[in-house]
Amino acid sequence: MTKKIVVFHSARGGAGKSTLIASVAVALMQAGRRVVVVDADVYQPGQHALFSLTRKKSDLTLNSYLDTGESLRDAVYELSNSLRKIVGPHAPMSGELYLLPADQRIDAIRQVWDIGYDPGRLHIAIQRLIKGMSLDFVLVDTHPGLNPNALLIASYSQLLYLVGCVDQQCADSMEYVIYALQRLSDHQKAAMIFTRIPSSVNPANLTTSATQAFKMPVAGILPWDERIAAQRYDSLPLLDAPDSPWSQAVHALAEQIQHDALH
């Protein structure tokens, strides 16, 4: 069975997880896949900004489903046409890309903090969305750290990627998250992705040491890129700097995800 629900989680904020997810989604779209990005970081949503999605108070979001049970499909927004206008004819995009945003309004975020939500119910709704929209992949962005709902969402995934850096604090936090996830489920399809890796770090050595330390394979290593680090949060580096080593690593990661989904 092809694995379609792909969750990205990070042990702590600042690893570039959300930017990575948005860029992988675009790379999958360029590869001809039908993809939905779900912004399940309902406490600090950011995918709407990366895709420059503006909304009115009346627009539906993931929170609308969590609050009232509104149809999840009604809160999904098509992004393909706007992205094709940005890149023009030079970078064909044969797939389709959609976004299920979270509500960024402070009152909505407070409500989620106060009331919470059921990750299991969300997982079932995502499965229905996959069938109803004939999707190839759903990429889920989670709240970083040891947040219980985020960890439950990660435990329900069919593919799980833990995003982190190489500093000691990140390594310690990654160890805590892996321990918590192992307590929740016996996850056989989890792998690590390292971001913002300086040129002084040898990728092969990092892969070997991380695999040994965490008993988990490494799916991707993304190099530090000054241009990427300097970009605004409301832009996609994969489109702004398509030929950079960082963007090439994202495309390689997208290929790896498609491979992992079949095995």
C-alpha atoms as a PDB file:
ATOM      1  CA  MET A   1       0.000   0.000   0.000  1.00  0.00           C
ATOM      2  CA  THR A   2       1.300   3.442  -0.924  1.00  0.00           C
ATOM      3  CA  LYS A   3       1.913   5.606   2.116  1.00  0.00           C
ATOM      4  CA  LYS A   4       0.289   8.998   1.674  1.00  0.00           C
ATOM      5  CA  ILE A   5       0.134  10.697   5.096  1.00  0.00           C
ATOM      6  CA  VAL A   6       3.553  12.273   5.671  1.00  0.00           C
ATOM      7  CA  VAL A   7       4.161  14.071   8.966  1.00  0.00           C
ATOM      8  CA  PHE A   8       7.091  16.404   9.603  1.00  0.00           C
ATOM      9  CA  HIS A   9       7.934  17.056  13.247  1.00  0.00           C
ATOM     10  CA  SER A  10      10.802  18.862  14.940  1.00  0.00           C
ATOM     11  CA  ALA A  11      12.121  18.586  18.461  1.00  0.00           C
ATOM     12  CA  ARG A  12      12.182  22.360  18.804  1.00  0.00           C
ATOM     13  CA  GLY A  13      11.429  25.459  16.779  1.00  0.00           C
ATOM     14  CA  GLY A  14      13.879  27.182  14.471  1.00  0.00           C
ATOM     15  CA  ALA A  15      14.918  24.151  12.425  1.00  0.00           C
ATOM     16  CA  GLY A  16      13.220  25.415   9.262  1.00  0.00           C
ATOM     17  CA  LYS A  17      10.570  22.696   9.268  1.00  0.00           C
ATOM     18  CA  SER A  18       7.693  24.742   7.862  1.00  0.00           C
ATOM     19  CA  THR A  19       9.775  26.185   5.019  1.00  0.00           C
ATOM     20  CA  LEU A  20      11.041  22.697   4.255  1.00  0.00           C
ATOM     21  CA  ILE A  21       7.507  21.250   4.120  1.00  0.00           C
ATOM     22  CA  ALA A  22       6.256  23.975   1.772  1.00  0.00           C
ATOM     23  CA  SER A  23       9.270  23.479  -0.493  1.00  0.00           C
ATOM     24  CA  VAL A  24       8.922  19.680  -0.552  1.00  0.00           C
ATOM     25  CA  ALA A  25       5.250  20.133  -1.457  1.00  0.00           C
ATOM     26  CA  VAL A  26       6.217  22.310  -4.432  1.00  0.00           C
ATOM     27  CA  ALA A  27       8.861  19.778  -5.493  1.00  0.00           C
ATOM     28  CA  LEU A  28       6.273  16.988  -5.379  1.00  0.00           C
ATOM     29  CA  MET A  29       3.896  19.134  -7.408  1.00  0.00           C
ATOM     30  CA  GLN A  30       6.646  19.680  -9.976  1.00  0.00           C
ATOM     31  CA  ALA A  31       7.005  15.889 -10.098  1.00  0.00           C
ATOM     32  CA  GLY A  32       3.336  15.573 -11.061  1.00  0.00           C
ATOM     33  CA  ARG A  33       1.852  14.700  -7.667  1.00  0.00           C
ATOM     34  CA  ARG A  34      -1.434  15.874  -6.153  1.00  0.00           C
ATOM     35  CA  VAL A  35      -0.487  17.255  -2.734  1.00  0.00           C
ATOM     36  CA  VAL A  36      -2.226  18.906   0.213  1.00  0.00           C
ATOM     37  CA  VAL A  37      -0.255  20.682   2.933  1.00  0.00           C
ATOM     38  CA  VAL A  38      -2.046  20.564   6.291  1.00  0.00           C
ATOM     39  CA  ASP A  39      -0.958  23.219   8.761  1.00  0.00           C
ATOM     40  CA  ALA A  40      -1.600  21.313  11.987  1.00  0.00           C
ATOM     41  CA  ASP A  41       0.625  23.696  13.938  1.00  0.00           C
ATOM     42  CA  VAL A  42      -2.539  25.321  15.232  1.00  0.00           C
ATOM     43  CA  TYR A  43      -0.616  27.121  17.993  1.00  0.00           C
ATOM     44  CA  GLN A  44       1.861  28.876  15.665  1.00  0.00           C
ATOM     45  CA  PRO A  45       0.535  28.548  12.106  1.00  0.00           C
ATOM     46  CA  GLY A  46       2.781  29.702   9.292  1.00  0.00           C
ATOM     47  CA  GLN A  47       2.028  27.880   6.053  1.00  0.00           C
ATOM     48  CA  HIS A  48      -0.459  30.562   4.961  1.00  0.00           C
ATOM     49  CA  ALA A  49       2.375  33.117   5.012  1.00  0.00           C
ATOM     50  CA  LEU A  50       4.799  30.924   3.064  1.00  0.00           C
ATOM     51  CA  PHE A  51       2.225  30.488   0.307  1.00  0.00           C
ATOM     52  CA  SER A  52       1.037  34.124   0.548  1.00  0.00           C
ATOM     53  CA  LEU A  53      -2.522  32.993   1.228  1.00  0.00           C
ATOM     54  CA  THR A  54      -4.722  35.853   2.344  1.00  0.00           C
ATOM     55  CA  ARG A  55      -8.039  35.128   3.989  1.00  0.00           C
ATOM     56  CA  LYS A  56     -11.173  36.852   5.204  1.00  0.00           C
ATOM     57  CA  LYS A  57     -12.857  36.266   8.554  1.00  0.00           C
ATOM     58  CA  SER A  58     -15.500  34.218   6.789  1.00  0.00           C
ATOM     59  CA  ASP A  59     -12.989  31.822   5.225  1.00  0.00           C
ATOM     60  CA  LEU A  60     -12.818  28.296   6.600  1.00  0.00           C
ATOM     61  CA  THR A  61      -9.636  26.835   8.117  1.00  0.00           C
ATOM     62  CA  LEU A  62      -8.576  23.658   9.852  1.00  0.00           C
ATOM     63  CA  ASN A  63      -9.913  25.241  13.044  1.00  0.00           C
ATOM     64  CA  SER A  64     -13.377  25.327  11.488  1.00  0.00           C
ATOM     65  CA  TYR A  65     -13.298  21.536  11.339  1.00  0.00           C
ATOM     66  CA  LEU A  66     -11.851  21.188  14.824  1.00  0.00           C
ATOM     67  CA  ASP A  67     -14.475  23.541  16.267  1.00  0.00           C
ATOM     68  CA  THR A  68     -17.660  22.665  14.423  1.00  0.00           C
ATOM     69  CA  GLY A  69     -17.056  19.588  12.302  1.00  0.00           C
ATOM     70  CA  GLU A  70     -17.303  21.573   9.045  1.00  0.00           C
ATOM     71  CA  SER A  71     -16.188  19.651   5.974  1.00  0.00           C
ATOM     72  CA  LEU A  72     -12.409  19.484   5.797  1.00  0.00           C
ATOM     73  CA  ARG A  73     -12.600  19.752   2.002  1.00  0.00           C
ATOM     74  CA  ASP A  74     -14.290  23.148   2.257  1.00  0.00           C
ATOM     75  CA  ALA A  75     -11.221  24.548   4.026  1.00  0.00           C
ATOM     76  CA  VAL A  76      -8.768  23.392   1.342  1.00  0.00           C
ATOM     77  CA  TYR A  77      -7.441  26.140  -0.959  1.00  0.00           C
ATOM     78  CA  GLU A  78      -6.011  25.578  -4.428  1.00  0.00           C
ATOM     79  CA  LEU A  79      -2.515  27.033  -4.936  1.00  0.00           C
ATOM     80  CA  SER A  80      -1.430  25.526  -8.252  1.00  0.00           C
ATOM     81  CA  ASN A  81      -2.460  28.333 -10.585  1.00  0.00           C
ATOM     82  CA  SER A  82      -0.839  31.083  -8.519  1.00  0.00           C
ATOM     83  CA  LEU A  83       2.409  29.098  -8.293  1.00  0.00           C
ATOM     84  CA  ARG A  84       2.436  28.513 -12.048  1.00  0.00           C
ATOM     85  CA  LYS A  85       2.132  32.268 -12.581  1.00  0.00           C
ATOM     86  CA  ILE A  86       5.162  32.841 -10.332  1.00  0.00           C
ATOM     87  CA  VAL A  87       7.494  30.409 -12.097  1.00  0.00           C
ATOM     88  CA  GLY A  88       6.164  30.856 -15.634  1.00  0.00           C
ATOM     89  CA  PRO A  89       6.704  28.301 -18.401  1.00  0.00           C
ATOM     90  CA  HIS A  90      10.360  27.651 -17.526  1.00  0.00           C
ATOM     91  CA  ALA A  91       9.593  25.276 -14.645  1.00  0.00           C
ATOM     92  CA  PRO A  92       6.624  23.074 -15.589  1.00  0.00           C
ATOM     93  CA  MET A  93       4.358  22.040 -12.719  1.00  0.00           C
ATOM     94  CA  SER A  94       2.252  19.116 -13.846  1.00  0.00           C
ATOM     95  CA  GLY A  95       0.808  18.266 -10.427  1.00  0.00           C
ATOM     96  CA  GLU A  96      -1.628  20.039  -8.125  1.00  0.00           C
ATOM     97  CA  LEU A  97      -0.972  21.708  -4.782  1.00  0.00           C
ATOM     98  CA  TYR A  98      -3.479  22.672  -2.103  1.00  0.00           C
ATOM     99  CA  LEU A  99      -3.272  24.141   1.397  1.00  0.00           C
ATOM    100  CA  LEU A 100      -5.404  23.435   4.440  1.00  0.00           C
ATOM    101  CA  PRO A 101      -4.418  26.412   6.634  1.00  0.00           C
ATOM    102  CA  ALA A 102      -4.806  26.896  10.358  1.00  0.00           C
ATOM    103  CA  ASP A 103      -6.458  30.022  11.708  1.00  0.00           C
ATOM    104  CA  GLN A 104      -3.776  32.596  12.559  1.00  0.00           C
ATOM    105  CA  ARG A 105      -6.080  34.880  14.558  1.00  0.00           C
ATOM    106  CA  ILE A 106      -5.127  35.131  18.215  1.00  0.00           C
ATOM    107  CA  ASP A 107      -8.636  34.347  19.482  1.00  0.00           C
ATOM    108  CA  ALA A 108      -8.704  31.129  17.449  1.00  0.00           C
ATOM    109  CA  ILE A 109      -5.284  30.100  18.782  1.00  0.00           C
ATOM    110  CA  ARG A 110      -6.409  30.786  22.346  1.00  0.00           C
ATOM    111  CA  GLN A 111      -9.487  28.653  21.807  1.00  0.00           C
ATOM    112  CA  VAL A 112      -7.371  25.699  20.687  1.00  0.00           C
ATOM    113  CA  TRP A 113      -5.137  26.127  23.737  1.00  0.00           C
ATOM    114  CA  ASP A 114      -8.146  26.206  26.052  1.00  0.00           C
ATOM    115  CA  ILE A 115     -10.283  23.463  24.497  1.00  0.00           C
ATOM    116  CA  GLY A 116      -7.841  21.280  22.575  1.00  0.00           C
ATOM    117  CA  TYR A 117      -8.780  18.884  19.781  1.00  0.00           C
ATOM    118  CA  ASP A 118      -8.824  15.170  18.938  1.00  0.00           C
ATOM    119  CA  PRO A 119      -5.845  14.160  16.732  1.00  0.00           C
ATOM    120  CA  GLY A 120      -7.460  10.789  16.014  1.00  0.00           C
ATOM    121  CA  ARG A 121     -10.528  12.483  14.578  1.00  0.00           C
ATOM    122  CA  LEU A 122      -8.300  14.689  12.435  1.00  0.00           C
ATOM    123  CA  HIS A 123      -6.442  11.619  11.160  1.00  0.00           C
ATOM    124  CA  ILE A 124      -9.714  10.018  10.040  1.00  0.00           C
ATOM    125  CA  ALA A 125     -10.739  13.252   8.305  1.00  0.00           C
ATOM    126  CA  ILE A 126      -7.403  13.353   6.452  1.00  0.00           C
ATOM    127  CA  GLN A 127      -7.927   9.790   5.251  1.00  0.00           C
ATOM    128  CA  ARG A 128     -11.320  10.787   3.865  1.00  0.00           C
ATOM    129  CA  LEU A 129      -9.754  13.835   2.227  1.00  0.00           C
ATOM    130  CA  ILE A 130      -7.192  11.636   0.466  1.00  0.00           C
ATOM    131  CA  LYS A 131      -9.934   9.451  -0.971  1.00  0.00           C
ATOM    132  CA  GLY A 132     -12.254  12.318  -1.885  1.00  0.00           C
ATOM    133  CA  MET A 133      -9.578  14.363  -3.671  1.00  0.00           C
ATOM    134  CA  SER A 134      -7.579  11.435  -5.106  1.00  0.00           C
ATOM    135  CA  LEU A 135      -4.435  12.741  -3.428  1.00  0.00           C
ATOM    136  CA  ASP A 136      -0.941  11.328  -3.737  1.00  0.00           C
ATOM    137  CA  PHE A 137       0.370  12.933  -0.555  1.00  0.00           C
ATOM    138  CA  VAL A 138      -0.773  14.881   2.481  1.00  0.00           C
ATOM    139  CA  LEU A 139       2.132  16.702   4.152  1.00  0.00           C
ATOM    140  CA  VAL A 140       1.366  17.591   7.770  1.00  0.00           C
ATOM    141  CA  ASP A 141       3.139  20.401   9.638  1.00  0.00           C
ATOM    142  CA  THR A 142       3.081  19.960  13.438  1.00  0.00           C
ATOM    143  CA  HIS A 143       3.808  22.078  16.486  1.00  0.00           C
ATOM    144  CA  PRO A 144       7.421  21.432  17.551  1.00  0.00           C
ATOM    145  CA  GLY A 145       8.561  19.754  20.738  1.00  0.00           C
ATOM    146  CA  LEU A 146       6.770  17.469  23.156  1.00  0.00           C
ATOM    147  CA  ASN A 147       3.277  18.847  22.554  1.00  0.00           C
ATOM    148  CA  PRO A 148       0.905  15.874  23.179  1.00  0.00           C
ATOM    149  CA  ASN A 149      -1.393  16.543  20.211  1.00  0.00           C
ATOM    150  CA  ALA A 150       1.547  17.005  17.837  1.00  0.00           C
ATOM    151  CA  LEU A 151       3.111  13.742  19.022  1.00  0.00           C
ATOM    152  CA  LEU A 152      -0.192  11.911  18.536  1.00  0.00           C
ATOM    153  CA  ILE A 153      -0.484  13.284  15.002  1.00  0.00           C
ATOM    154  CA  ALA A 154       3.074  12.084  14.365  1.00  0.00           C
ATOM    155  CA  SER A 155       2.245   8.642  15.766  1.00  0.00           C
ATOM    156  CA  TYR A 156      -0.685   8.304  13.317  1.00  0.00           C
ATOM    157  CA  SER A 157       1.481   9.072  10.283  1.00  0.00           C
ATOM    158  CA  GLN A 158       2.358   6.586   7.566  1.00  0.00           C
ATOM    159  CA  LEU A 159       5.706   8.300   7.000  1.00  0.00           C
ATOM    160  CA  LEU A 160       7.369  10.395   9.701  1.00  0.00           C
ATOM    161  CA  TYR A 161      10.324  12.730   9.286  1.00  0.00           C
ATOM    162  CA  LEU A 162      11.989  14.342  12.292  1.00  0.00           C
ATOM    163  CA  VAL A 163      13.606  17.635  11.321  1.00  0.00           C
ATOM    164  CA  GLY A 164      16.574  18.964  13.278  1.00  0.00           C
ATOM    165  CA  CYS A 165      19.974  20.642  13.292  1.00  0.00           C
ATOM    166  CA  VAL A 166      23.367  19.439  14.513  1.00  0.00           C
ATOM    167  CA  ASP A 167      23.847  21.440  17.722  1.00  0.00           C
ATOM    168  CA  GLN A 168      23.828  19.640  21.081  1.00  0.00           C
ATOM    169  CA  GLN A 169      20.600  21.206  22.310  1.00  0.00           C
ATOM    170  CA  CYS A 170      18.781  19.989  19.215  1.00  0.00           C
ATOM    171  CA  ALA A 171      20.308  16.527  19.604  1.00  0.00           C
ATOM    172  CA  ASP A 172      19.118  16.291  23.210  1.00  0.00           C
ATOM    173  CA  SER A 173      15.630  17.450  22.257  1.00  0.00           C
ATOM    174  CA  MET A 174      15.520  14.954  19.372  1.00  0.00           C
ATOM    175  CA  GLU A 175      16.314  12.147  21.794  1.00  0.00           C
ATOM    176  CA  TYR A 176      13.393  13.127  24.039  1.00  0.00           C
ATOM    177  CA  VAL A 177      10.979  13.275  21.092  1.00  0.00           C
ATOM    178  CA  ILE A 178      12.089   9.899  19.725  1.00  0.00           C
ATOM    179  CA  TYR A 179      11.617   8.350  23.169  1.00  0.00           C
ATOM    180  CA  ALA A 180       8.102   9.814  23.447  1.00  0.00           C
ATOM    181  CA  LEU A 181       7.129   8.630  19.963  1.00  0.00           C
ATOM    182  CA  GLN A 182       8.392   5.125  20.687  1.00  0.00           C
ATOM    183  CA  ARG A 183       6.123   5.031  23.725  1.00  0.00           C
ATOM    184  CA  LEU A 184       3.147   5.976  21.539  1.00  0.00           C
ATOM    185  CA  SER A 185       3.710   3.627  18.612  1.00  0.00           C
ATOM    186  CA  ASP A 186       6.171   1.233  17.032  1.00  0.00           C
ATOM    187  CA  HIS A 187       6.910   3.509  14.107  1.00  0.00           C
ATOM    188  CA  GLN A 188       8.707   1.601  11.362  1.00  0.00           C
ATOM    189  CA  LYS A 189       8.802   4.390   8.770  1.00  0.00           C
ATOM    190  CA  ALA A 190      10.492   7.212  10.657  1.00  0.00           C
ATOM    191  CA  ALA A 191      13.631   8.975   9.438  1.00  0.00           C
ATOM    192  CA  MET A 192      15.603  12.104  10.223  1.00  0.00           C
ATOM    193  CA  ILE A 193      16.201  15.210   8.128  1.00  0.00           C
ATOM    194  CA  PHE A 194      18.998  17.590   9.092  1.00  0.00           C
ATOM    195  CA  THR A 195      18.798  21.236   8.023  1.00  0.00           C
ATOM    196  CA  ARG A 196      21.132  24.233   7.994  1.00  0.00           C
ATOM    197  CA  ILE A 197      24.226  22.052   7.934  1.00  0.00           C
ATOM    198  CA  PRO A 198      27.475  24.065   7.618  1.00  0.00           C
ATOM    199  CA  SER A 199      29.974  23.177   4.906  1.00  0.00           C
ATOM    200  CA  SER A 200      32.454  22.062   7.576  1.00  0.00           C
ATOM    201  CA  VAL A 201      30.242  19.059   8.395  1.00  0.00           C
ATOM    202  CA  ASN A 202      30.800  15.958   6.296  1.00  0.00           C
ATOM    203  CA  PRO A 203      27.360  14.599   5.237  1.00  0.00           C
ATOM    204  CA  ALA A 204      28.518  10.962   5.242  1.00  0.00           C
ATOM    205  CA  ASN A 205      29.963  11.265   8.739  1.00  0.00           C
ATOM    206  CA  LEU A 206      26.794  12.997   9.960  1.00  0.00           C
ATOM    207  CA  THR A 207      24.635  10.247   8.486  1.00  0.00           C
ATOM    208  CA  THR A 208      26.708   7.542  10.166  1.00  0.00           C
ATOM    209  CA  SER A 209      26.875   9.194  13.585  1.00  0.00           C
ATOM    210  CA  ALA A 210      23.197  10.182  13.638  1.00  0.00           C
ATOM    211  CA  THR A 211      22.047   6.721  12.563  1.00  0.00           C
ATOM    212  CA  GLN A 212      24.129   5.135  15.293  1.00  0.00           C
ATOM    213  CA  ALA A 213      23.053   7.621  17.971  1.00  0.00           C
ATOM    214  CA  PHE A 214      19.311   7.623  17.279  1.00  0.00           C
ATOM    215  CA  LYS A 215      18.871   4.161  15.689  1.00  0.00           C
ATOM    216  CA  MET A 216      17.017   5.835  12.833  1.00  0.00           C
ATOM    217  CA  PRO A 217      17.934   6.372   9.165  1.00  0.00           C
ATOM    218  CA  VAL A 218      18.719   9.775   7.680  1.00  0.00           C
ATOM    219  CA  ALA A 219      16.476  10.721   4.767  1.00  0.00           C
ATOM    220  CA  GLY A 220      18.061  14.046   3.860  1.00  0.00           C
ATOM    221  CA  ILE A 221      20.725  16.611   4.691  1.00  0.00           C
ATOM    222  CA  LEU A 222      20.125  20.211   3.674  1.00  0.00           C
ATOM    223  CA  PRO A 223      23.141  22.523   3.562  1.00  0.00           C
ATOM    224  CA  TRP A 224      23.348  25.955   5.109  1.00  0.00           C
ATOM    225  CA  ASP A 225      22.633  28.577   2.470  1.00  0.00           C
ATOM    226  CA  GLU A 226      23.042  32.260   3.273  1.00  0.00           C
ATOM    227  CA  ARG A 227      20.493  33.255   0.641  1.00  0.00           C
ATOM    228  CA  ILE A 228      17.903  30.912   2.125  1.00  0.00           C
ATOM    229  CA  ALA A 229      18.548  32.172   5.647  1.00  0.00           C
ATOM    230  CA  ALA A 230      18.151  35.783   4.527  1.00  0.00           C
ATOM    231  CA  GLN A 231      14.848  35.247   2.743  1.00  0.00           C
ATOM    232  CA  ARG A 232      11.546  36.560   4.028  1.00  0.00           C
ATOM    233  CA  TYR A 233       9.180  34.129   5.719  1.00  0.00           C
ATOM    234  CA  ASP A 234       6.511  34.876   3.111  1.00  0.00           C
ATOM    235  CA  SER A 235       8.460  33.403   0.197  1.00  0.00           C
ATOM    236  CA  LEU A 236       9.477  29.991  -1.083  1.00  0.00           C
ATOM    237  CA  PRO A 237      13.236  29.519  -1.536  1.00  0.00           C
ATOM    238  CA  LEU A 238      12.694  26.572  -3.858  1.00  0.00           C
ATOM    239  CA  LEU A 239      11.134  28.986  -6.358  1.00  0.00           C
ATOM    240  CA  ASP A 240      13.315  31.999  -5.577  1.00  0.00           C
ATOM    241  CA  ALA A 241      16.614  30.079  -5.795  1.00  0.00           C
ATOM    242  CA  PRO A 242      15.820  26.911  -7.790  1.00  0.00           C
ATOM    243  CA  ASP A 243      19.433  26.151  -8.693  1.00  0.00           C
ATOM    244  CA  SER A 244      20.900  26.488  -5.195  1.00  0.00           C
ATOM    245  CA  PRO A 245      22.399  23.447  -3.409  1.00  0.00           C
ATOM    246  CA  TRP A 246      19.583  23.779  -0.862  1.00  0.00           C
ATOM    247  CA  SER A 247      16.892  23.512  -3.541  1.00  0.00           C
ATOM    248  CA  GLN A 248      18.671  20.572  -5.154  1.00  0.00           C
ATOM    249  CA  ALA A 249      18.687  18.838  -1.767  1.00  0.00           C
ATOM    250  CA  VAL A 250      14.935  19.477  -1.423  1.00  0.00           C
ATOM    251  CA  HIS A 251      14.270  17.848  -4.799  1.00  0.00           C
ATOM    252  CA  ALA A 252      16.395  14.871  -3.732  1.00  0.00           C
ATOM    253  CA  LEU A 253      14.360  14.657  -0.530  1.00  0.00           C
ATOM    254  CA  ALA A 254      11.112  14.729  -2.505  1.00  0.00           C
ATOM    255  CA  GLU A 255      12.398  11.797  -4.552  1.00  0.00           C
ATOM    256  CA  GLN A 256      13.313   9.976  -1.337  1.00  0.00           C
ATOM    257  CA  ILE A 257       9.821  10.530   0.068  1.00  0.00           C
ATOM    258  CA  GLN A 258       8.252   9.097  -3.087  1.00  0.00           C
ATOM    259  CA  HIS A 259      10.553   6.090  -2.757  1.00  0.00           C
ATOM    260  CA  ASP A 260       9.753   5.616   0.935  1.00  0.00           C
ATOM    261  CA  ALA A 261       6.026   5.814   0.178  1.00  0.00           C
ATOM    262  CA  LEU A 262       6.259   2.702  -1.979  1.00  0.00           C
ATOM    263  CA  HIS A 263       8.373   0.565   0.380  1.00  0.00           C
END
